[in-house]
Amino acid sequence: MLRFDPFTELDALTRGLLTNQTGSNRSPRFMPMDLCKVDDHYLLTADLPGVDPGSVDVSVDNGTLTISAHRTARSDDGVQWLANERFFGTYRRQLSLGEGIDASKISATYENGVLSVTIPMAERAKPRKIDVAHGGGQKSIETTTVEAG
């Protein structure tokens, strides 16, 4: 269903390490997610704690699922940071969908900091039972009843 691109995560990590300074504007390094198959659909869950619910966006274009969200930075006015480790900015993740996905029926919910995306399989991709025809002719059995008399 999905192809993993390790270089996307590596690029984001490298960018974060090379530009990260204490007290500077930091963008999120990654969006942790789980993906599993449940019956006739896939379920993607992604951790997006503290993001603005109205900023969560899920879209599909040419077989690519894109998830983005934004966490607003706190105001630095009159603040002396002792620890400043929480990321803010825009989260973004893209996944390539396979041929067997019904992109028109993808749905998503965001609740308690977790984004859940339901990705249904297309009808043609769902497992189905195939009837097996038997090659031999049909046999019939005749019965007779005897009346006692």
N, C-alpha and C. Protein backbone atom coordinates (compact mmCIF):
# COMPACT_ATOMS: atom_id res chain seq x y z
N MET A 1 0.81 -1.18 0.00
CA MET A 1 0.00 0.00 0.00
C MET A 1 0.86 1.25 0.00
N LEU A 2 1.85 1.33 0.86
CA LEU A 2 2.65 2.54 0.99
C LEU A 2 4.12 2.24 0.75
N ARG A 3 4.80 3.18 0.15
CA ARG A 3 6.23 3.06 -0.02
C ARG A 3 6.91 3.98 0.98
N PHE A 4 7.88 3.48 1.70
CA PHE A 4 8.59 4.25 2.71
C PHE A 4 9.79 4.95 2.07
N ASP A 5 9.92 6.23 2.32
CA ASP A 5 11.05 6.99 1.80
C ASP A 5 11.93 7.40 2.98
N PRO A 6 13.00 6.65 3.26
CA PRO A 6 13.83 6.96 4.44
C PRO A 6 14.54 8.30 4.31
N PHE A 7 14.73 8.79 3.10
CA PHE A 7 15.46 10.03 2.92
C PHE A 7 14.65 11.25 3.37
N THR A 8 13.33 11.18 3.33
CA THR A 8 12.51 12.28 3.81
C THR A 8 12.79 12.54 5.29
N GLU A 9 12.77 11.48 6.08
CA GLU A 9 13.03 11.62 7.51
C GLU A 9 14.48 12.03 7.77
N LEU A 10 15.41 11.48 7.01
CA LEU A 10 16.82 11.81 7.16
C LEU A 10 17.08 13.29 6.83
N ASP A 11 16.45 13.77 5.76
CA ASP A 11 16.58 15.19 5.40
C ASP A 11 16.07 16.09 6.51
N ALA A 12 14.90 15.75 7.06
CA ALA A 12 14.32 16.56 8.12
C ALA A 12 15.21 16.54 9.37
N LEU A 13 15.73 15.38 9.72
CA LEU A 13 16.60 15.27 10.88
C LEU A 13 17.88 16.07 10.69
N THR A 14 18.49 15.95 9.52
CA THR A 14 19.72 16.69 9.23
C THR A 14 19.47 18.19 9.28
N ARG A 15 18.38 18.63 8.65
CA ARG A 15 18.04 20.05 8.68
C ARG A 15 17.87 20.54 10.12
N GLY A 16 17.20 19.73 10.94
CA GLY A 16 16.98 20.11 12.34
C GLY A 16 18.27 20.19 13.12
N LEU A 17 19.19 19.24 12.90
CA LEU A 17 20.46 19.24 13.62
C LEU A 17 21.37 20.39 13.19
N LEU A 18 21.36 20.72 11.91
CA LEU A 18 22.24 21.76 11.41
C LEU A 18 21.75 23.17 11.72
N THR A 19 20.44 23.34 11.88
CA THR A 19 19.91 24.68 12.11
C THR A 19 19.41 24.89 13.53
N ASN A 20 19.46 23.87 14.35
CA ASN A 20 18.89 23.96 15.69
C ASN A 20 19.84 24.67 16.66
N GLN A 21 19.35 25.74 17.27
CA GLN A 21 20.10 26.46 18.29
C GLN A 21 19.18 26.68 19.46
N THR A 22 19.72 26.73 20.66
CA THR A 22 18.90 26.93 21.84
C THR A 22 18.16 28.25 21.75
N GLY A 23 16.85 28.22 21.99
CA GLY A 23 16.05 29.42 21.98
C GLY A 23 15.67 29.91 20.60
N SER A 24 16.04 29.19 19.54
CA SER A 24 15.71 29.63 18.19
C SER A 24 14.38 29.03 17.76
N ASN A 25 13.85 29.56 16.66
CA ASN A 25 12.63 28.99 16.10
C ASN A 25 12.97 27.61 15.57
N ARG A 26 12.25 26.62 16.04
CA ARG A 26 12.49 25.24 15.60
C ARG A 26 11.22 24.70 14.98
N SER A 27 11.37 24.03 13.87
CA SER A 27 10.22 23.37 13.26
C SER A 27 10.21 21.92 13.71
N PRO A 28 9.05 21.28 13.67
CA PRO A 28 8.97 19.88 14.09
C PRO A 28 9.87 18.99 13.24
N ARG A 29 10.50 18.04 13.88
CA ARG A 29 11.41 17.14 13.17
C ARG A 29 10.68 16.00 12.49
N PHE A 30 9.61 15.52 13.10
CA PHE A 30 8.91 14.38 12.53
C PHE A 30 7.49 14.31 13.07
N MET A 31 6.70 13.49 12.42
CA MET A 31 5.33 13.23 12.83
C MET A 31 5.22 11.72 13.04
N PRO A 32 5.33 11.25 14.28
CA PRO A 32 5.26 9.80 14.51
C PRO A 32 3.89 9.25 14.12
N MET A 33 3.90 8.10 13.46
CA MET A 33 2.63 7.52 13.03
C MET A 33 2.69 6.00 13.07
N ASP A 34 1.52 5.42 13.12
CA ASP A 34 1.34 3.97 13.02
C ASP A 34 0.44 3.71 11.83
N LEU A 35 0.63 2.58 11.18
CA LEU A 35 -0.22 2.19 10.06
C LEU A 35 -0.50 0.71 10.17
N CYS A 36 -1.78 0.35 10.09
CA CYS A 36 -2.14 -1.06 10.16
C CYS A 36 -3.31 -1.33 9.22
N LYS A 37 -3.50 -2.61 8.90
CA LYS A 37 -4.64 -3.02 8.07
C LYS A 37 -5.68 -3.63 8.99
N VAL A 38 -6.92 -3.14 8.86
CA VAL A 38 -8.04 -3.65 9.65
C VAL A 38 -9.15 -4.02 8.68
N ASP A 39 -9.44 -5.30 8.56
CA ASP A 39 -10.47 -5.79 7.65
C ASP A 39 -10.26 -5.27 6.23
N ASP A 40 -11.14 -4.38 5.77
CA ASP A 40 -11.09 -3.92 4.38
C ASP A 40 -10.58 -2.49 4.24
N HIS A 41 -9.80 -2.04 5.23
CA HIS A 41 -9.23 -0.69 5.15
C HIS A 41 -7.92 -0.62 5.92
N TYR A 42 -7.19 0.46 5.68
CA TYR A 42 -5.97 0.74 6.43
C TYR A 42 -6.29 1.85 7.42
N LEU A 43 -5.61 1.83 8.57
CA LEU A 43 -5.81 2.87 9.58
C LEU A 43 -4.46 3.49 9.90
N LEU A 44 -4.36 4.78 9.64
CA LEU A 44 -3.15 5.54 9.95
C LEU A 44 -3.45 6.42 11.15
N THR A 45 -2.63 6.34 12.18
CA THR A 45 -2.76 7.23 13.33
C THR A 45 -1.45 7.98 13.50
N ALA A 46 -1.56 9.30 13.67
CA ALA A 46 -0.38 10.15 13.78
C ALA A 46 -0.50 11.02 15.02
N ASP A 47 0.59 11.14 15.77
CA ASP A 47 0.62 11.99 16.95
C ASP A 47 0.88 13.43 16.54
N LEU A 48 -0.06 14.31 16.88
CA LEU A 48 0.06 15.74 16.59
C LEU A 48 -0.37 16.53 17.82
N PRO A 49 0.31 16.33 18.96
CA PRO A 49 -0.13 17.01 20.18
C PRO A 49 0.07 18.52 20.08
N GLY A 50 -0.93 19.24 20.55
CA GLY A 50 -0.83 20.68 20.64
C GLY A 50 -1.00 21.45 19.34
N VAL A 51 -1.32 20.77 18.25
CA VAL A 51 -1.52 21.51 17.00
C VAL A 51 -2.90 22.16 17.01
N ASP A 52 -3.03 23.24 16.26
CA ASP A 52 -4.30 23.92 16.13
C ASP A 52 -5.23 23.02 15.31
N PRO A 53 -6.38 22.59 15.87
CA PRO A 53 -7.26 21.66 15.13
C PRO A 53 -7.65 22.17 13.74
N GLY A 54 -7.83 23.47 13.58
CA GLY A 54 -8.20 24.01 12.28
C GLY A 54 -7.07 23.97 11.27
N SER A 55 -5.85 23.71 11.71
CA SER A 55 -4.71 23.67 10.79
C SER A 55 -4.44 22.29 10.23
N VAL A 56 -5.12 21.27 10.76
CA VAL A 56 -4.89 19.90 10.29
C VAL A 56 -5.49 19.76 8.89
N ASP A 57 -4.67 19.31 7.96
CA ASP A 57 -5.10 19.16 6.57
C ASP A 57 -4.66 17.80 6.04
N VAL A 58 -5.60 17.08 5.46
CA VAL A 58 -5.31 15.79 4.83
C VAL A 58 -5.79 15.89 3.40
N SER A 59 -4.91 15.59 2.43
CA SER A 59 -5.30 15.67 1.03
C SER A 59 -4.68 14.52 0.25
N VAL A 60 -5.28 14.22 -0.90
CA VAL A 60 -4.78 13.18 -1.80
C VAL A 60 -4.66 13.79 -3.19
N ASP A 61 -3.51 13.60 -3.81
CA ASP A 61 -3.29 14.11 -5.16
C ASP A 61 -2.38 13.14 -5.91
N ASN A 62 -2.88 12.59 -7.00
CA ASN A 62 -2.11 11.66 -7.82
C ASN A 62 -1.48 10.52 -7.02
N GLY A 63 -2.26 9.92 -6.14
CA GLY A 63 -1.77 8.77 -5.39
C GLY A 63 -0.87 9.11 -4.22
N THR A 64 -0.76 10.39 -3.85
CA THR A 64 0.05 10.80 -2.70
C THR A 64 -0.84 11.38 -1.63
N LEU A 65 -0.78 10.80 -0.45
CA LEU A 65 -1.52 11.30 0.71
C LEU A 65 -0.62 12.28 1.45
N THR A 66 -1.10 13.50 1.65
CA THR A 66 -0.32 14.52 2.36
C THR A 66 -1.04 14.91 3.63
N ILE A 67 -0.31 14.89 4.73
CA ILE A 67 -0.83 15.31 6.03
C ILE A 67 0.00 16.50 6.48
N SER A 68 -0.68 17.57 6.86
CA SER A 68 0.03 18.72 7.40
C SER A 68 -0.77 19.32 8.55
N ALA A 69 -0.05 19.95 9.46
CA ALA A 69 -0.67 20.59 10.63
C ALA A 69 0.30 21.63 11.16
N HIS A 70 -0.21 22.54 11.98
CA HIS A 70 0.63 23.63 12.47
C HIS A 70 0.46 23.79 13.98
N ARG A 71 1.58 23.92 14.67
CA ARG A 71 1.57 24.25 16.11
C ARG A 71 2.12 25.66 16.24
N THR A 72 1.35 26.54 16.85
CA THR A 72 1.72 27.94 17.02
C THR A 72 2.74 28.09 18.14
N ALA A 73 3.72 28.96 17.92
CA ALA A 73 4.75 29.22 18.93
C ALA A 73 4.18 30.09 20.06
N ARG A 74 4.73 29.90 21.23
CA ARG A 74 4.37 30.77 22.35
C ARG A 74 5.05 32.11 22.18
N SER A 75 4.48 33.10 22.77
CA SER A 75 5.07 34.43 22.72
C SER A 75 6.33 34.47 23.58
N ASP A 76 7.39 35.10 23.06
CA ASP A 76 8.65 35.21 23.78
C ASP A 76 8.76 36.52 24.56
N ASP A 77 7.70 37.32 24.57
CA ASP A 77 7.74 38.62 25.24
C ASP A 77 8.00 38.47 26.73
N GLY A 78 9.12 38.98 27.18
CA GLY A 78 9.47 38.99 28.60
C GLY A 78 9.74 37.62 29.19
N VAL A 79 10.07 36.65 28.36
CA VAL A 79 10.29 35.29 28.84
C VAL A 79 11.78 34.97 28.76
N GLN A 80 12.30 34.42 29.85
CA GLN A 80 13.66 33.91 29.85
C GLN A 80 13.55 32.39 29.92
N TRP A 81 13.85 31.74 28.81
CA TRP A 81 13.70 30.30 28.73
C TRP A 81 14.77 29.58 29.54
N LEU A 82 14.35 28.62 30.35
CA LEU A 82 15.26 27.73 31.06
C LEU A 82 15.39 26.42 30.29
N ALA A 83 14.32 26.04 29.65
CA ALA A 83 14.30 24.88 28.75
C ALA A 83 13.30 25.22 27.65
N ASN A 84 13.67 24.98 26.43
CA ASN A 84 12.82 25.31 25.29
C ASN A 84 12.94 24.18 24.27
N GLU A 85 12.27 23.06 24.55
CA GLU A 85 12.44 21.85 23.75
C GLU A 85 11.25 21.52 22.86
N ARG A 86 10.10 22.13 23.10
CA ARG A 86 8.92 21.81 22.30
C ARG A 86 9.01 22.45 20.94
N PHE A 87 8.69 21.68 19.92
CA PHE A 87 8.74 22.17 18.55
C PHE A 87 7.48 22.94 18.22
N PHE A 88 7.60 23.88 17.32
CA PHE A 88 6.45 24.56 16.77
C PHE A 88 6.71 24.82 15.30
N GLY A 89 5.66 25.09 14.60
CA GLY A 89 5.77 25.27 13.16
C GLY A 89 4.88 24.28 12.46
N THR A 90 5.22 23.95 11.23
CA THR A 90 4.38 23.10 10.39
C THR A 90 4.93 21.68 10.32
N TYR A 91 4.05 20.73 10.63
CA TYR A 91 4.34 19.31 10.44
C TYR A 91 3.86 18.96 9.04
N ARG A 92 4.59 18.08 8.36
CA ARG A 92 4.14 17.64 7.04
C ARG A 92 4.69 16.24 6.78
N ARG A 93 3.83 15.39 6.25
CA ARG A 93 4.25 14.03 5.92
C ARG A 93 3.51 13.60 4.66
N GLN A 94 4.21 12.92 3.77
CA GLN A 94 3.60 12.42 2.54
C GLN A 94 3.84 10.93 2.40
N LEU A 95 2.80 10.24 1.93
CA LEU A 95 2.86 8.79 1.73
C LEU A 95 2.33 8.47 0.35
N SER A 96 2.99 7.55 -0.34
CA SER A 96 2.51 7.09 -1.65
C SER A 96 1.50 5.98 -1.43
N LEU A 97 0.33 6.14 -2.02
CA LEU A 97 -0.71 5.13 -1.92
C LEU A 97 -0.60 4.16 -3.08
N GLY A 98 -0.95 2.92 -2.83
CA GLY A 98 -0.92 1.91 -3.88
C GLY A 98 -2.14 2.00 -4.78
N GLU A 99 -2.20 1.13 -5.76
CA GLU A 99 -3.29 1.11 -6.74
C GLU A 99 -4.63 0.68 -6.13
N GLY A 100 -4.59 -0.11 -5.08
CA GLY A 100 -5.81 -0.70 -4.54
C GLY A 100 -6.53 0.14 -3.50
N ILE A 101 -6.39 1.46 -3.56
CA ILE A 101 -7.00 2.35 -2.57
C ILE A 101 -8.15 3.13 -3.20
N ASP A 102 -9.24 3.29 -2.45
CA ASP A 102 -10.36 4.12 -2.90
C ASP A 102 -10.17 5.51 -2.31
N ALA A 103 -9.43 6.36 -3.02
CA ALA A 103 -9.07 7.69 -2.53
C ALA A 103 -10.28 8.57 -2.27
N SER A 104 -11.38 8.35 -2.96
CA SER A 104 -12.57 9.19 -2.79
C SER A 104 -13.27 8.95 -1.45
N LYS A 105 -12.94 7.85 -0.76
CA LYS A 105 -13.60 7.52 0.50
C LYS A 105 -12.69 7.64 1.71
N ILE A 106 -11.51 8.25 1.56
CA ILE A 106 -10.62 8.45 2.70
C ILE A 106 -11.27 9.44 3.65
N SER A 107 -11.22 9.15 4.95
CA SER A 107 -11.79 10.04 5.96
C SER A 107 -10.80 10.23 7.09
N ALA A 108 -10.96 11.32 7.85
CA ALA A 108 -10.01 11.61 8.93
C ALA A 108 -10.72 12.28 10.09
N THR A 109 -10.21 12.01 11.31
CA THR A 109 -10.68 12.68 12.51
C THR A 109 -9.46 13.08 13.34
N TYR A 110 -9.59 14.18 14.08
CA TYR A 110 -8.52 14.64 14.97
C TYR A 110 -9.13 14.80 16.35
N GLU A 111 -8.60 14.02 17.30
CA GLU A 111 -9.15 14.03 18.66
C GLU A 111 -8.04 13.77 19.66
N ASN A 112 -7.98 14.60 20.70
CA ASN A 112 -7.00 14.45 21.78
C ASN A 112 -5.57 14.38 21.27
N GLY A 113 -5.25 15.17 20.26
CA GLY A 113 -3.88 15.22 19.76
C GLY A 113 -3.49 14.10 18.83
N VAL A 114 -4.46 13.26 18.43
CA VAL A 114 -4.18 12.14 17.54
C VAL A 114 -5.03 12.26 16.28
N LEU A 115 -4.37 12.22 15.14
CA LEU A 115 -5.06 12.22 13.85
C LEU A 115 -5.25 10.78 13.42
N SER A 116 -6.49 10.41 13.09
CA SER A 116 -6.80 9.06 12.59
C SER A 116 -7.32 9.19 11.17
N VAL A 117 -6.66 8.50 10.25
CA VAL A 117 -7.05 8.54 8.84
C VAL A 117 -7.44 7.13 8.42
N THR A 118 -8.67 6.97 7.95
CA THR A 118 -9.15 5.69 7.46
C THR A 118 -9.00 5.68 5.95
N ILE A 119 -8.26 4.68 5.45
CA ILE A 119 -7.94 4.58 4.03
C ILE A 119 -8.56 3.28 3.50
N PRO A 120 -9.75 3.37 2.87
CA PRO A 120 -10.42 2.14 2.43
C PRO A 120 -9.79 1.54 1.17
N MET A 121 -9.85 0.23 1.11
CA MET A 121 -9.39 -0.47 -0.08
C MET A 121 -10.47 -0.36 -1.15
N ALA A 122 -10.07 -0.30 -2.41
CA ALA A 122 -11.01 -0.28 -3.52
C ALA A 122 -11.69 -1.64 -3.60
N GLU A 123 -12.91 -1.68 -4.10
CA GLU A 123 -13.65 -2.94 -4.21
C GLU A 123 -12.84 -4.00 -4.97
N ARG A 124 -12.17 -3.58 -6.05
CA ARG A 124 -11.42 -4.53 -6.87
C ARG A 124 -10.21 -5.10 -6.13
N ALA A 125 -9.77 -4.43 -5.05
CA ALA A 125 -8.59 -4.89 -4.33
C ALA A 125 -8.95 -5.73 -3.10
N LYS A 126 -10.24 -5.76 -2.75
CA LYS A 126 -10.65 -6.53 -1.57
C LYS A 126 -10.59 -8.01 -1.86
N PRO A 127 -10.23 -8.80 -0.85
CA PRO A 127 -10.24 -10.24 -1.04
C PRO A 127 -11.67 -10.71 -1.31
N ARG A 128 -11.81 -11.69 -2.16
CA ARG A 128 -13.14 -12.24 -2.43
C ARG A 128 -13.04 -13.74 -2.61
N LYS A 129 -14.14 -14.40 -2.36
CA LYS A 129 -14.20 -15.85 -2.51
C LYS A 129 -14.56 -16.17 -3.95
N ILE A 130 -13.87 -17.12 -4.52
CA ILE A 130 -14.12 -17.54 -5.89
C ILE A 130 -14.75 -18.93 -5.85
N ASP A 131 -15.92 -19.07 -6.48
CA ASP A 131 -16.59 -20.37 -6.55
C ASP A 131 -15.82 -21.28 -7.49
N VAL A 132 -15.69 -22.51 -7.08
CA VAL A 132 -14.99 -23.50 -7.89
C VAL A 132 -16.03 -24.41 -8.53
N ALA A 133 -16.03 -24.46 -9.85
CA ALA A 133 -16.96 -25.33 -10.58
C ALA A 133 -16.36 -26.73 -10.63
N HIS A 134 -17.21 -27.72 -10.51
CA HIS A 134 -16.76 -29.12 -10.57
C HIS A 134 -16.92 -29.61 -11.99
N GLY A 135 -15.90 -30.25 -12.54
CA GLY A 135 -15.89 -30.67 -13.94
C GLY A 135 -16.74 -31.88 -14.27
N GLY A 136 -17.01 -32.75 -13.32
CA GLY A 136 -17.75 -33.98 -13.63
C GLY A 136 -19.24 -33.72 -13.79
N GLY A 137 -19.93 -34.66 -14.45
CA GLY A 137 -21.38 -34.54 -14.61
C GLY A 137 -22.08 -34.76 -13.29
N GLN A 138 -23.28 -34.30 -13.22
CA GLN A 138 -24.03 -34.49 -11.98
C GLN A 138 -24.61 -35.90 -11.95
N LYS A 139 -24.59 -36.49 -10.79
CA LYS A 139 -25.16 -37.82 -10.61
C LYS A 139 -26.44 -37.67 -9.80
N SER A 140 -27.44 -38.45 -10.19
CA SER A 140 -28.67 -38.42 -9.41
C SER A 140 -28.93 -39.82 -8.88
N ILE A 141 -29.51 -39.89 -7.74
CA ILE A 141 -29.81 -41.18 -7.12
C ILE A 141 -31.32 -41.32 -7.05
N GLU A 142 -31.81 -42.46 -7.58
CA GLU A 142 -33.24 -42.70 -7.54
C GLU A 142 -33.56 -43.54 -6.32
N THR A 143 -34.65 -43.20 -5.70
CA THR A 143 -35.09 -43.97 -4.53
C THR A 143 -36.47 -44.54 -4.78
N THR A 144 -36.74 -45.69 -4.20
CA THR A 144 -38.07 -46.28 -4.28
C THR A 144 -38.56 -46.55 -2.88
N THR A 145 -39.83 -46.36 -2.74
CA THR A 145 -40.43 -46.64 -1.44
C THR A 145 -41.31 -47.89 -1.56
N VAL A 146 -41.25 -48.68 -0.56
CA VAL A 146 -42.06 -49.90 -0.55
C VAL A 146 -43.12 -49.72 0.52
N GLU A 147 -44.35 -49.92 0.09
CA GLU A 147 -45.43 -49.78 1.07
C GLU A 147 -45.69 -51.11 1.73
N ALA A 148 -45.84 -51.06 3.01
CA ALA A 148 -46.15 -52.28 3.75
C ALA A 148 -47.65 -52.51 3.71
N GLY A 149 -48.02 -53.65 3.52
CA GLY A 149 -49.44 -53.76 3.39
C GLY A 149 -50.07 -54.90 3.89
